[in-house]
Protein backbone atom coordinates (compact mmCIF):
# COMPACT_ATOMS: atom_id res chain seq x y z
CA UNK A 1 0.00 0.00 0.00
CA UNK A 2 1.19 3.49 -0.92
CA UNK A 3 1.68 6.17 1.60
CA UNK A 4 -0.23 9.35 0.58
CA UNK A 5 1.63 12.65 0.86
CA UNK A 6 0.81 14.70 3.90
CA UNK A 7 1.41 18.43 4.16
CA UNK A 8 1.36 20.07 7.57
CA UNK A 9 1.07 23.84 7.58
CA UNK A 10 1.87 25.68 10.80
CA UNK A 11 -0.56 28.37 11.88
CA UNK A 12 -3.26 29.44 14.28
CA UNK A 13 -6.97 29.96 13.65
CA UNK A 14 -9.81 28.27 11.85
CA UNK A 15 -9.24 29.91 8.47
CA UNK A 16 -6.13 30.15 6.36
CA UNK A 17 -5.03 31.18 2.90
CA UNK A 18 -2.94 28.88 0.79
CA UNK A 19 -0.34 30.26 -1.57
CA UNK A 20 0.61 28.84 -4.95
CA UNK A 21 3.45 26.76 -3.49
CA UNK A 22 1.24 25.16 -0.83
CA UNK A 23 -1.46 24.41 -3.40
CA UNK A 24 1.09 22.83 -5.75
CA UNK A 25 2.36 20.70 -2.86
CA UNK A 26 -1.22 19.46 -2.47
CA UNK A 27 -1.41 18.69 -6.19
CA UNK A 28 -3.56 21.67 -7.13
CA UNK A 29 -2.22 23.66 -10.08
CA UNK A 30 -4.23 26.89 -10.08
CA UNK A 31 -2.43 28.34 -13.10
CA UNK A 32 -3.26 25.27 -15.20
CA UNK A 33 -6.91 25.34 -14.11
CA UNK A 34 -7.21 29.04 -14.99
CA UNK A 35 -5.61 28.39 -18.39
CA UNK A 36 -8.12 25.61 -19.04
CA UNK A 37 -10.99 27.83 -18.01
CA UNK A 38 -9.81 30.74 -20.15
CA UNK A 39 -9.29 28.52 -23.18
CA UNK A 40 -12.83 27.14 -23.29
CA UNK A 41 -15.10 28.65 -25.92
CA UNK A 42 -18.22 29.81 -24.14
CA UNK A 43 -20.47 31.08 -26.93
CA UNK A 44 -20.13 28.23 -29.42
CA UNK A 45 -21.79 25.61 -27.24
CA UNK A 46 -24.72 27.72 -26.08
CA UNK A 47 -28.02 27.52 -27.92
CA UNK A 48 -29.55 30.82 -28.89
CA UNK A 49 -32.41 31.53 -26.54
CA UNK A 50 -34.08 33.83 -29.06
CA UNK A 51 -33.52 32.44 -32.57
CA UNK A 52 -33.34 35.08 -35.27
CA UNK A 53 -35.48 34.54 -38.33
CA UNK A 54 -35.34 36.16 -41.74
CA UNK A 55 -38.69 37.86 -41.45
CA UNK A 56 -39.72 40.55 -39.03
CA UNK A 57 -43.00 39.64 -37.36
CA UNK A 58 -45.98 41.64 -38.51
CA UNK A 59 -47.17 44.35 -36.16
CA UNK A 60 -50.63 43.60 -34.91
CA UNK A 61 -53.08 46.42 -34.53
CA UNK A 62 -53.85 47.17 -30.92
CA UNK A 63 -57.55 47.55 -30.19
CA UNK A 64 -58.52 51.19 -30.00
CA UNK A 65 -59.50 52.78 -26.72
CA UNK A 66 -62.97 53.55 -28.08
CA UNK A 67 -63.52 49.88 -28.92
CA UNK A 68 -62.38 48.87 -25.44
CA UNK A 69 -64.71 51.43 -23.82
CA UNK A 70 -67.66 50.21 -25.89
CA UNK A 71 -66.87 46.63 -24.92
CA UNK A 72 -66.73 47.54 -21.22
CA UNK A 73 -70.00 49.48 -21.41
CA UNK A 74 -71.67 46.53 -23.14
CA UNK A 75 -70.36 44.21 -20.41
CA UNK A 76 -71.68 46.55 -17.72
CA UNK A 77 -75.14 46.52 -19.34
CA UNK A 78 -74.97 42.72 -19.61
CA UNK A 79 -74.10 42.57 -15.90
CA UNK A 80 -77.13 44.62 -14.90
CA UNK A 81 -76.30 48.31 -15.39
CA UNK A 82 -79.40 50.25 -16.38
CA UNK A 83 -79.51 51.35 -20.02
CA UNK A 84 -80.47 54.87 -18.90
CA UNK A 85 -76.89 55.35 -17.58
CA UNK A 86 -75.09 54.28 -20.78
CA UNK A 87 -74.92 57.80 -22.25
CA UNK A 88 -73.69 59.27 -18.96
CA UNK A 89 -71.03 56.57 -18.56
CA UNK A 90 -69.78 57.13 -22.14
CA UNK A 91 -69.64 60.90 -21.56
CA UNK A 92 -67.70 60.48 -18.30
CA UNK A 93 -65.28 57.99 -19.87
CA UNK A 94 -64.70 60.34 -22.81
CA UNK A 95 -64.11 63.28 -20.49
CA UNK A 96 -61.76 61.40 -18.15
CA UNK A 97 -60.07 59.07 -20.68
CA UNK A 98 -56.79 59.02 -18.74
CA UNK A 99 -58.36 57.43 -15.65
PDB file of N, CA and C in Angstrom:
ATOM      1  N   UNK A   1       0.834  -1.160   0.000  1.00  0.00           N
ATOM      2  CA  UNK A   1       0.000   0.000   0.000  1.00  0.00           C
ATOM      3  C   UNK A   1       0.891   1.238   0.000  1.00  0.00           C
ATOM      4  N   UNK A   2       0.433   2.252  -0.828  1.00  0.00           N
ATOM      5  CA  UNK A   2       1.193   3.493  -0.923  1.00  0.00           C
ATOM      6  C   UNK A   2       0.910   4.407   0.250  1.00  0.00           C
ATOM      7  N   UNK A   3       1.853   5.188   0.542  1.00  0.00           N
ATOM      8  CA  UNK A   3       1.675   6.171   1.596  1.00  0.00           C
ATOM      9  C   UNK A   3       1.332   7.508   0.930  1.00  0.00           C
ATOM     10  N   UNK A   4       0.146   8.081   1.209  1.00  0.00           N
ATOM     11  CA  UNK A   4      -0.229   9.351   0.579  1.00  0.00           C
ATOM     12  C   UNK A   4       0.601  10.492   1.159  1.00  0.00           C
ATOM     13  N   UNK A   5       0.864  11.512   0.334  1.00  0.00           N
ATOM     14  CA  UNK A   5       1.630  12.648   0.860  1.00  0.00           C
ATOM     15  C   UNK A   5       0.798  13.424   1.874  1.00  0.00           C
ATOM     16  N   UNK A   6       1.469  13.928   2.854  1.00  0.00           N
ATOM     17  CA  UNK A   6       0.809  14.699   3.904  1.00  0.00           C
ATOM     18  C   UNK A   6       1.550  16.017   4.046  1.00  0.00           C
ATOM     19  N   UNK A   7       0.810  17.107   4.038  1.00  0.00           N
ATOM     20  CA  UNK A   7       1.409  18.427   4.161  1.00  0.00           C
ATOM     21  C   UNK A   7       0.861  19.073   5.423  1.00  0.00           C
ATOM     22  N   UNK A   8       1.761  19.428   6.316  1.00  0.00           N
ATOM     23  CA  UNK A   8       1.363  20.070   7.569  1.00  0.00           C
ATOM     24  C   UNK A   8       1.792  21.522   7.498  1.00  0.00           C
ATOM     25  N   UNK A   9       0.801  22.407   7.639  1.00  0.00           N
ATOM     26  CA  UNK A   9       1.068  23.840   7.582  1.00  0.00           C
ATOM     27  C   UNK A   9       0.929  24.423   8.979  1.00  0.00           C
ATOM     28  N   UNK A  10       1.975  25.083   9.468  1.00  0.00           N
ATOM     29  CA  UNK A  10       1.875  25.680  10.802  1.00  0.00           C
ATOM     30  C   UNK A  10       0.992  26.927  10.753  1.00  0.00           C
ATOM     31  N   UNK A  11       0.252  27.158  11.809  1.00  0.00           N
ATOM     32  CA  UNK A  11      -0.559  28.367  11.884  1.00  0.00           C
ATOM     33  C   UNK A  11      -1.646  28.245  12.922  1.00  0.00           C
ATOM     34  N   UNK A  12      -2.187  29.387  13.298  1.00  0.00           N
ATOM     35  CA  UNK A  12      -3.264  29.445  14.284  1.00  0.00           C
ATOM     36  C   UNK A  12      -4.560  29.852  13.580  1.00  0.00           C
ATOM     37  N   UNK A  13      -5.677  29.511  14.167  1.00  0.00           N
ATOM     38  CA  UNK A  13      -6.969  29.965  13.651  1.00  0.00           C
ATOM     39  C   UNK A  13      -7.697  28.901  12.864  1.00  0.00           C
ATOM     40  N   UNK A  14      -8.954  29.203  12.580  1.00  0.00           N
ATOM     41  CA  UNK A  14      -9.806  28.269  11.854  1.00  0.00           C
ATOM     42  C   UNK A  14      -9.709  28.450  10.341  1.00  0.00           C
ATOM     43  N   UNK A  15      -9.304  29.624   9.900  1.00  0.00           N
ATOM     44  CA  UNK A  15      -9.241  29.908   8.471  1.00  0.00           C
ATOM     45  C   UNK A  15      -7.807  30.201   8.077  1.00  0.00           C
ATOM     46  N   UNK A  16      -7.482  29.866   6.846  1.00  0.00           N
ATOM     47  CA  UNK A  16      -6.134  30.149   6.363  1.00  0.00           C
ATOM     48  C   UNK A  16      -6.169  30.294   4.851  1.00  0.00           C
ATOM     49  N   UNK A  17      -5.198  31.004   4.337  1.00  0.00           N
ATOM     50  CA  UNK A  17      -5.032  31.185   2.899  1.00  0.00           C
ATOM     51  C   UNK A  17      -3.852  30.353   2.447  1.00  0.00           C
ATOM     52  N   UNK A  18      -4.028  29.678   1.336  1.00  0.00           N
ATOM     53  CA  UNK A  18      -2.935  28.877   0.793  1.00  0.00           C
ATOM     54  C   UNK A  18      -2.337  29.595  -0.402  1.00  0.00           C
ATOM     55  N   UNK A  19      -1.032  29.670  -0.434  1.00  0.00           N
ATOM     56  CA  UNK A  19      -0.338  30.260  -1.566  1.00  0.00           C
ATOM     57  C   UNK A  19      -0.164  29.243  -2.683  1.00  0.00           C
ATOM     58  N   UNK A  20       0.409  29.694  -3.781  1.00  0.00           N
ATOM     59  CA  UNK A  20       0.608  28.838  -4.946  1.00  0.00           C
ATOM     60  C   UNK A  20       1.496  27.639  -4.625  1.00  0.00           C
ATOM     61  N   UNK A  21       2.546  27.861  -3.830  1.00  0.00           N
ATOM     62  CA  UNK A  21       3.455  26.756  -3.491  1.00  0.00           C
ATOM     63  C   UNK A  21       2.747  25.692  -2.653  1.00  0.00           C
ATOM     64  N   UNK A  22       1.948  26.129  -1.670  1.00  0.00           N
ATOM     65  CA  UNK A  22       1.235  25.163  -0.833  1.00  0.00           C
ATOM     66  C   UNK A  22       0.195  24.397  -1.649  1.00  0.00           C
ATOM     67  N   UNK A  23      -0.480  25.088  -2.557  1.00  0.00           N
ATOM     68  CA  UNK A  23      -1.464  24.409  -3.401  1.00  0.00           C
ATOM     69  C   UNK A  23      -0.795  23.398  -4.325  1.00  0.00           C
ATOM     70  N   UNK A  24       0.364  23.775  -4.889  1.00  0.00           N
ATOM     71  CA  UNK A  24       1.086  22.826  -5.751  1.00  0.00           C
ATOM     72  C   UNK A  24       1.553  21.616  -4.955  1.00  0.00           C
ATOM     73  N   UNK A  25       1.944  21.832  -3.696  1.00  0.00           N
ATOM     74  CA  UNK A  25       2.362  20.705  -2.864  1.00  0.00           C
ATOM     75  C   UNK A  25       1.194  19.756  -2.610  1.00  0.00           C
ATOM     76  N   UNK A  26      -0.027  20.294  -2.635  1.00  0.00           N
ATOM     77  CA  UNK A  26      -1.218  19.462  -2.472  1.00  0.00           C
ATOM     78  C   UNK A  26      -1.700  18.868  -3.800  1.00  0.00           C
ATOM     79  N   UNK A  27      -1.021  19.210  -4.884  1.00  0.00           N
ATOM     80  CA  UNK A  27      -1.412  18.686  -6.192  1.00  0.00           C
ATOM     81  C   UNK A  27      -2.444  19.529  -6.911  1.00  0.00           C
ATOM     82  N   UNK A  28      -2.588  20.771  -6.501  1.00  0.00           N
ATOM     83  CA  UNK A  28      -3.558  21.674  -7.127  1.00  0.00           C
ATOM     84  C   UNK A  28      -2.787  22.729  -7.909  1.00  0.00           C
ATOM     85  N   UNK A  29      -2.910  22.700  -9.225  1.00  0.00           N
ATOM     86  CA  UNK A  29      -2.220  23.663 -10.084  1.00  0.00           C
ATOM     87  C   UNK A  29      -3.226  24.722 -10.532  1.00  0.00           C
ATOM     88  N   UNK A  30      -3.259  25.830  -9.819  1.00  0.00           N
ATOM     89  CA  UNK A  30      -4.227  26.889 -10.084  1.00  0.00           C
ATOM     90  C   UNK A  30      -3.992  27.512 -11.450  1.00  0.00           C
ATOM     91  N   UNK A  31      -2.745  27.726 -11.813  1.00  0.00           N
ATOM     92  CA  UNK A  31      -2.428  28.340 -13.105  1.00  0.00           C
ATOM     93  C   UNK A  31      -2.952  27.479 -14.254  1.00  0.00           C
ATOM     94  N   UNK A  32      -2.785  26.176 -14.151  1.00  0.00           N
ATOM     95  CA  UNK A  32      -3.260  25.267 -15.196  1.00  0.00           C
ATOM     96  C   UNK A  32      -4.792  25.282 -15.269  1.00  0.00           C
ATOM     97  N   UNK A  33      -5.445  25.308 -14.125  1.00  0.00           N
ATOM     98  CA  UNK A  33      -6.907  25.342 -14.107  1.00  0.00           C
ATOM     99  C   UNK A  33      -7.442  26.637 -14.709  1.00  0.00           C
ATOM    100  N   UNK A  34      -6.790  27.771 -14.403  1.00  0.00           N
ATOM    101  CA  UNK A  34      -7.205  29.044 -14.992  1.00  0.00           C
ATOM    102  C   UNK A  34      -6.979  29.058 -16.501  1.00  0.00           C
ATOM    103  N   UNK A  35      -5.879  28.464 -16.956  1.00  0.00           N
ATOM    104  CA  UNK A  35      -5.614  28.392 -18.391  1.00  0.00           C
ATOM    105  C   UNK A  35      -6.665  27.541 -19.092  1.00  0.00           C
ATOM    106  N   UNK A  36      -7.067  26.445 -18.461  1.00  0.00           N
ATOM    107  CA  UNK A  36      -8.118  25.610 -19.043  1.00  0.00           C
ATOM    108  C   UNK A  36      -9.442  26.364 -19.104  1.00  0.00           C
ATOM    109  N   UNK A  37      -9.746  27.078 -18.054  1.00  0.00           N
ATOM    110  CA  UNK A  37     -10.991  27.827 -18.006  1.00  0.00           C
ATOM    111  C   UNK A  37     -11.006  28.942 -19.050  1.00  0.00           C
ATOM    112  N   UNK A  38      -9.889  29.639 -19.196  1.00  0.00           N
ATOM    113  CA  UNK A  38      -9.814  30.739 -20.154  1.00  0.00           C
ATOM    114  C   UNK A  38      -9.825  30.239 -21.586  1.00  0.00           C
ATOM    115  N   UNK A  39      -9.361  29.030 -21.823  1.00  0.00           N
ATOM    116  CA  UNK A  39      -9.288  28.515 -23.182  1.00  0.00           C
ATOM    117  C   UNK A  39     -10.572  27.917 -23.696  1.00  0.00           C
ATOM    118  N   UNK A  40     -11.587  27.758 -22.854  1.00  0.00           N
ATOM    119  CA  UNK A  40     -12.832  27.137 -23.293  1.00  0.00           C
ATOM    120  C   UNK A  40     -13.693  28.143 -24.042  1.00  0.00           C
ATOM    121  N   UNK A  41     -14.172  27.756 -25.227  1.00  0.00           N
ATOM    122  CA  UNK A  41     -15.104  28.648 -25.920  1.00  0.00           C
ATOM    123  C   UNK A  41     -16.461  28.620 -25.220  1.00  0.00           C
ATOM    124  N   UNK A  42     -16.968  29.780 -24.888  1.00  0.00           N
ATOM    125  CA  UNK A  42     -18.219  29.815 -24.136  1.00  0.00           C
ATOM    126  C   UNK A  42     -19.434  30.022 -25.029  1.00  0.00           C
ATOM    127  N   UNK A  43     -19.299  30.752 -26.123  1.00  0.00           N
ATOM    128  CA  UNK A  43     -20.467  31.076 -26.928  1.00  0.00           C
ATOM    129  C   UNK A  43     -20.805  30.016 -27.965  1.00  0.00           C
ATOM    130  N   UNK A  44     -19.853  29.180 -28.352  1.00  0.00           N
ATOM    131  CA  UNK A  44     -20.130  28.231 -29.422  1.00  0.00           C
ATOM    132  C   UNK A  44     -21.034  27.102 -28.975  1.00  0.00           C
ATOM    133  N   UNK A  45     -20.998  26.734 -27.721  1.00  0.00           N
ATOM    134  CA  UNK A  45     -21.790  25.609 -27.245  1.00  0.00           C
ATOM    135  C   UNK A  45     -23.196  26.005 -26.808  1.00  0.00           C
ATOM    136  N   UNK A  46     -23.429  27.292 -26.593  1.00  0.00           N
ATOM    137  CA  UNK A  46     -24.722  27.721 -26.085  1.00  0.00           C
ATOM    138  C   UNK A  46     -25.741  27.828 -27.216  1.00  0.00           C
ATOM    139  N   UNK A  47     -26.935  27.363 -26.952  1.00  0.00           N
ATOM    140  CA  UNK A  47     -28.020  27.515 -27.917  1.00  0.00           C
ATOM    141  C   UNK A  47     -28.601  28.915 -27.775  1.00  0.00           C
ATOM    142  N   UNK A  48     -28.987  29.490 -28.903  1.00  0.00           N
ATOM    143  CA  UNK A  48     -29.554  30.825 -28.885  1.00  0.00           C
ATOM    144  C   UNK A  48     -30.941  30.773 -28.270  1.00  0.00           C
ATOM    145  N   UNK A  49     -31.136  31.544 -27.236  1.00  0.00           N
ATOM    146  CA  UNK A  49     -32.415  31.533 -26.538  1.00  0.00           C
ATOM    147  C   UNK A  49     -33.515  32.160 -27.388  1.00  0.00           C
ATOM    148  N   UNK A  50     -33.138  33.149 -28.194  1.00  0.00           N
ATOM    149  CA  UNK A  50     -34.085  33.829 -29.064  1.00  0.00           C
ATOM    150  C   UNK A  50     -33.597  33.702 -30.500  1.00  0.00           C
ATOM    151  N   UNK A  51     -34.003  32.631 -31.209  1.00  0.00           N
ATOM    152  CA  UNK A  51     -33.516  32.444 -32.569  1.00  0.00           C
ATOM    153  C   UNK A  51     -33.962  33.587 -33.474  1.00  0.00           C
ATOM    154  N   UNK A  52     -33.073  33.972 -34.365  1.00  0.00           N
ATOM    155  CA  UNK A  52     -33.343  35.083 -35.265  1.00  0.00           C
ATOM    156  C   UNK A  52     -33.811  34.521 -36.593  1.00  0.00           C
ATOM    157  N   UNK A  53     -34.953  34.978 -37.044  1.00  0.00           N
ATOM    158  CA  UNK A  53     -35.483  34.537 -38.327  1.00  0.00           C
ATOM    159  C   UNK A  53     -35.222  35.583 -39.393  1.00  0.00           C
ATOM    160  N   UNK A  54     -35.540  35.224 -40.635  1.00  0.00           N
ATOM    161  CA  UNK A  54     -35.342  36.158 -41.742  1.00  0.00           C
ATOM    162  C   UNK A  54     -36.399  37.251 -41.758  1.00  0.00           C
ATOM    163  N   UNK A  55     -37.591  36.917 -41.353  1.00  0.00           N
ATOM    164  CA  UNK A  55     -38.691  37.862 -41.453  1.00  0.00           C
ATOM    165  C   UNK A  55     -38.940  38.552 -40.120  1.00  0.00           C
ATOM    166  N   UNK A  56     -39.326  39.796 -40.215  1.00  0.00           N
ATOM    167  CA  UNK A  56     -39.721  40.549 -39.028  1.00  0.00           C
ATOM    168  C   UNK A  56     -41.200  40.266 -38.799  1.00  0.00           C
ATOM    169  N   UNK A  57     -41.582  39.932 -37.590  1.00  0.00           N
ATOM    170  CA  UNK A  57     -42.998  39.636 -37.362  1.00  0.00           C
ATOM    171  C   UNK A  57     -43.871  40.846 -37.656  1.00  0.00           C
ATOM    172  N   UNK A  58     -45.055  40.570 -38.164  1.00  0.00           N
ATOM    173  CA  UNK A  58     -45.985  41.639 -38.512  1.00  0.00           C
ATOM    174  C   UNK A  58     -46.511  42.299 -37.241  1.00  0.00           C
ATOM    175  N   UNK A  59     -46.646  43.597 -37.297  1.00  0.00           N
ATOM    176  CA  UNK A  59     -47.169  44.350 -36.164  1.00  0.00           C
ATOM    177  C   UNK A  59     -48.680  44.178 -36.150  1.00  0.00           C
ATOM    178  N   UNK A  60     -49.192  43.779 -35.025  1.00  0.00           N
ATOM    179  CA  UNK A  60     -50.634  43.601 -34.905  1.00  0.00           C
ATOM    180  C   UNK A  60     -51.249  44.890 -34.387  1.00  0.00           C
ATOM    181  N   UNK A  61     -52.375  45.218 -34.947  1.00  0.00           N
ATOM    182  CA  UNK A  61     -53.083  46.422 -34.528  1.00  0.00           C
ATOM    183  C   UNK A  61     -53.599  46.240 -33.104  1.00  0.00           C
ATOM    184  N   UNK A  62     -53.316  47.202 -32.279  1.00  0.00           N
ATOM    185  CA  UNK A  62     -53.849  47.169 -30.918  1.00  0.00           C
ATOM    186  C   UNK A  62     -55.294  47.659 -30.967  1.00  0.00           C
ATOM    187  N   UNK A  63     -56.158  47.072 -30.181  1.00  0.00           N
ATOM    188  CA  UNK A  63     -57.546  47.549 -30.192  1.00  0.00           C
ATOM    189  C   UNK A  63     -57.595  49.001 -29.723  1.00  0.00           C
ATOM    190  N   UNK A  64     -58.453  49.774 -30.355  1.00  0.00           N
ATOM    191  CA  UNK A  64     -58.523  51.189 -29.998  1.00  0.00           C
ATOM    192  C   UNK A  64     -59.170  51.353 -28.626  1.00  0.00           C
ATOM    193  N   UNK A  65     -58.940  52.490 -28.039  1.00  0.00           N
ATOM    194  CA  UNK A  65     -59.496  52.784 -26.719  1.00  0.00           C
ATOM    195  C   UNK A  65     -61.015  52.858 -26.812  1.00  0.00           C
ATOM    196  N   UNK A  66     -61.513  53.443 -27.916  1.00  0.00           N
ATOM    197  CA  UNK A  66     -62.967  53.551 -28.076  1.00  0.00           C
ATOM    198  C   UNK A  66     -63.620  52.175 -28.130  1.00  0.00           C
ATOM    199  N   UNK A  67     -62.978  51.237 -28.849  1.00  0.00           N
ATOM    200  CA  UNK A  67     -63.520  49.877 -28.917  1.00  0.00           C
ATOM    201  C   UNK A  67     -63.522  49.227 -27.535  1.00  0.00           C
ATOM    202  N   UNK A  68     -62.457  49.448 -26.780  1.00  0.00           N
ATOM    203  CA  UNK A  68     -62.377  48.870 -25.435  1.00  0.00           C
ATOM    204  C   UNK A  68     -63.446  49.462 -24.526  1.00  0.00           C
ATOM    205  N   UNK A  69     -63.685  50.777 -24.636  1.00  0.00           N
ATOM    206  CA  UNK A  69     -64.713  51.426 -23.818  1.00  0.00           C
ATOM    207  C   UNK A  69     -66.089  50.874 -24.173  1.00  0.00           C
ATOM    208  N   UNK A  70     -66.367  50.755 -25.467  1.00  0.00           N
ATOM    209  CA  UNK A  70     -67.662  50.209 -25.890  1.00  0.00           C
ATOM    210  C   UNK A  70     -67.857  48.787 -25.378  1.00  0.00           C
ATOM    211  N   UNK A  71     -66.789  48.003 -25.415  1.00  0.00           N
ATOM    212  CA  UNK A  71     -66.867  46.629 -24.917  1.00  0.00           C
ATOM    213  C   UNK A  71     -67.160  46.617 -23.413  1.00  0.00           C
ATOM    214  N   UNK A  72     -66.498  47.482 -22.665  1.00  0.00           N
ATOM    215  CA  UNK A  72     -66.726  47.541 -21.217  1.00  0.00           C
ATOM    216  C   UNK A  72     -68.133  48.025 -20.881  1.00  0.00           C
ATOM    217  N   UNK A  73     -68.639  48.998 -21.642  1.00  0.00           N
ATOM    218  CA  UNK A  73     -70.000  49.482 -21.405  1.00  0.00           C
ATOM    219  C   UNK A  73     -71.005  48.371 -21.706  1.00  0.00           C
ATOM    220  N   UNK A  74     -70.775  47.639 -22.793  1.00  0.00           N
ATOM    221  CA  UNK A  74     -71.671  46.529 -23.137  1.00  0.00           C
ATOM    222  C   UNK A  74     -71.639  45.453 -22.051  1.00  0.00           C
ATOM    223  N   UNK A  75     -70.459  45.188 -21.496  1.00  0.00           N
ATOM    224  CA  UNK A  75     -70.358  44.210 -20.406  1.00  0.00           C
ATOM    225  C   UNK A  75     -71.099  44.702 -19.165  1.00  0.00           C
ATOM    226  N   UNK A  76     -70.990  45.998 -18.890  1.00  0.00           N
ATOM    227  CA  UNK A  76     -71.679  46.555 -17.722  1.00  0.00           C
ATOM    228  C   UNK A  76     -73.193  46.421 -17.878  1.00  0.00           C
ATOM    229  N   UNK A  77     -73.704  46.677 -19.088  1.00  0.00           N
ATOM    230  CA  UNK A  77     -75.136  46.520 -19.339  1.00  0.00           C
ATOM    231  C   UNK A  77     -75.535  45.056 -19.191  1.00  0.00           C
ATOM    232  N   UNK A  78     -74.679  44.155 -19.719  1.00  0.00           N
ATOM    233  CA  UNK A  78     -74.971  42.721 -19.614  1.00  0.00           C
ATOM    234  C   UNK A  78     -74.952  42.259 -18.159  1.00  0.00           C
ATOM    235  N   UNK A  79     -74.185  42.937 -17.315  1.00  0.00           N
ATOM    236  CA  UNK A  79     -74.101  42.565 -15.897  1.00  0.00           C
ATOM    237  C   UNK A  79     -75.135  43.287 -15.033  1.00  0.00           C
ATOM    238  N   UNK A  80     -76.033  44.041 -15.670  1.00  0.00           N
ATOM    239  CA  UNK A  80     -77.125  44.620 -14.898  1.00  0.00           C
ATOM    240  C   UNK A  80     -77.155  46.129 -14.798  1.00  0.00           C
ATOM    241  N   UNK A  81     -76.246  46.855 -15.440  1.00  0.00           N
ATOM    242  CA  UNK A  81     -76.303  48.312 -15.391  1.00  0.00           C
ATOM    243  C   UNK A  81     -77.508  48.778 -16.212  1.00  0.00           C
ATOM    244  N   UNK A  82     -78.218  49.737 -15.698  1.00  0.00           N
ATOM    245  CA  UNK A  82     -79.403  50.250 -16.381  1.00  0.00           C
ATOM    246  C   UNK A  82     -79.000  50.956 -17.669  1.00  0.00           C
ATOM    247  N   UNK A  83     -79.796  50.762 -18.711  1.00  0.00           N
ATOM    248  CA  UNK A  83     -79.513  51.353 -20.023  1.00  0.00           C
ATOM    249  C   UNK A  83     -79.593  52.876 -19.956  1.00  0.00           C
ATOM    250  N   UNK A  84     -80.338  53.411 -19.009  1.00  0.00           N
ATOM    251  CA  UNK A  84     -80.470  54.869 -18.901  1.00  0.00           C
ATOM    252  C   UNK A  84     -79.144  55.540 -18.535  1.00  0.00           C
ATOM    253  N   UNK A  85     -78.178  54.777 -17.987  1.00  0.00           N
ATOM    254  CA  UNK A  85     -76.890  55.352 -17.585  1.00  0.00           C
ATOM    255  C   UNK A  85     -75.809  55.223 -18.662  1.00  0.00           C
ATOM    256  N   UNK A  86     -76.104  54.545 -19.759  1.00  0.00           N
ATOM    257  CA  UNK A  86     -75.085  54.284 -20.782  1.00  0.00           C
ATOM    258  C   UNK A  86     -74.529  55.587 -21.340  1.00  0.00           C
ATOM    259  N   UNK A  87     -75.382  56.533 -21.678  1.00  0.00           N
ATOM    260  CA  UNK A  87     -74.922  57.801 -22.253  1.00  0.00           C
ATOM    261  C   UNK A  87     -74.058  58.563 -21.251  1.00  0.00           C
ATOM    262  N   UNK A  88     -74.464  58.567 -19.988  1.00  0.00           N
ATOM    263  CA  UNK A  88     -73.690  59.275 -18.963  1.00  0.00           C
ATOM    264  C   UNK A  88     -72.333  58.614 -18.748  1.00  0.00           C
ATOM    265  N   UNK A  89     -72.303  57.281 -18.752  1.00  0.00           N
ATOM    266  CA  UNK A  89     -71.033  56.568 -18.563  1.00  0.00           C
ATOM    267  C   UNK A  89     -70.093  56.851 -19.731  1.00  0.00           C
ATOM    268  N   UNK A  90     -70.624  56.827 -20.964  1.00  0.00           N
ATOM    269  CA  UNK A  90     -69.781  57.130 -22.143  1.00  0.00           C
ATOM    270  C   UNK A  90     -69.234  58.558 -22.063  1.00  0.00           C
ATOM    271  N   UNK A  91     -70.080  59.506 -21.662  1.00  0.00           N
ATOM    272  CA  UNK A  91     -69.641  60.899 -21.561  1.00  0.00           C
ATOM    273  C   UNK A  91     -68.539  61.046 -20.514  1.00  0.00           C
ATOM    274  N   UNK A  92     -68.708  60.406 -19.368  1.00  0.00           N
ATOM    275  CA  UNK A  92     -67.703  60.483 -18.296  1.00  0.00           C
ATOM    276  C   UNK A  92     -66.398  59.830 -18.739  1.00  0.00           C
ATOM    277  N   UNK A  93     -66.495  58.671 -19.403  1.00  0.00           N
ATOM    278  CA  UNK A  93     -65.281  57.988 -19.866  1.00  0.00           C
ATOM    279  C   UNK A  93     -64.569  58.785 -20.950  1.00  0.00           C
ATOM    280  N   UNK A  94     -65.326  59.500 -21.780  1.00  0.00           N
ATOM    281  CA  UNK A  94     -64.702  60.337 -22.809  1.00  0.00           C
ATOM    282  C   UNK A  94     -64.032  61.554 -22.181  1.00  0.00           C
ATOM    283  N   UNK A  95     -64.663  62.094 -21.148  1.00  0.00           N
ATOM    284  CA  UNK A  95     -64.113  63.280 -20.490  1.00  0.00           C
ATOM    285  C   UNK A  95     -62.867  62.952 -19.668  1.00  0.00           C
ATOM    286  N   UNK A  96     -62.877  61.806 -19.008  1.00  0.00           N
ATOM    287  CA  UNK A  96     -61.760  61.396 -18.153  1.00  0.00           C
ATOM    288  C   UNK A  96     -61.093  60.151 -18.734  1.00  0.00           C
ATOM    289  N   UNK A  97     -60.642  60.233 -19.975  1.00  0.00           N
ATOM    290  CA  UNK A  97     -60.070  59.074 -20.683  1.00  0.00           C
ATOM    291  C   UNK A  97     -58.766  58.585 -20.071  1.00  0.00           C
ATOM    292  N   UNK A  98     -58.078  59.421 -19.315  1.00  0.00           N
ATOM    293  CA  UNK A  98     -56.790  59.021 -18.738  1.00  0.00           C
ATOM    294  C   UNK A  98     -56.942  58.257 -17.427  1.00  0.00           C
ATOM    295  N   UNK A  99     -58.144  58.116 -16.930  1.00  0.00           N
ATOM    296  CA  UNK A  99     -58.355  57.432 -15.653  1.00  0.00           C
ATOM    297  C   UNK A  99     -58.503  55.978 -15.848  1.00  0.00           C
TER     298      UNK A  99
END
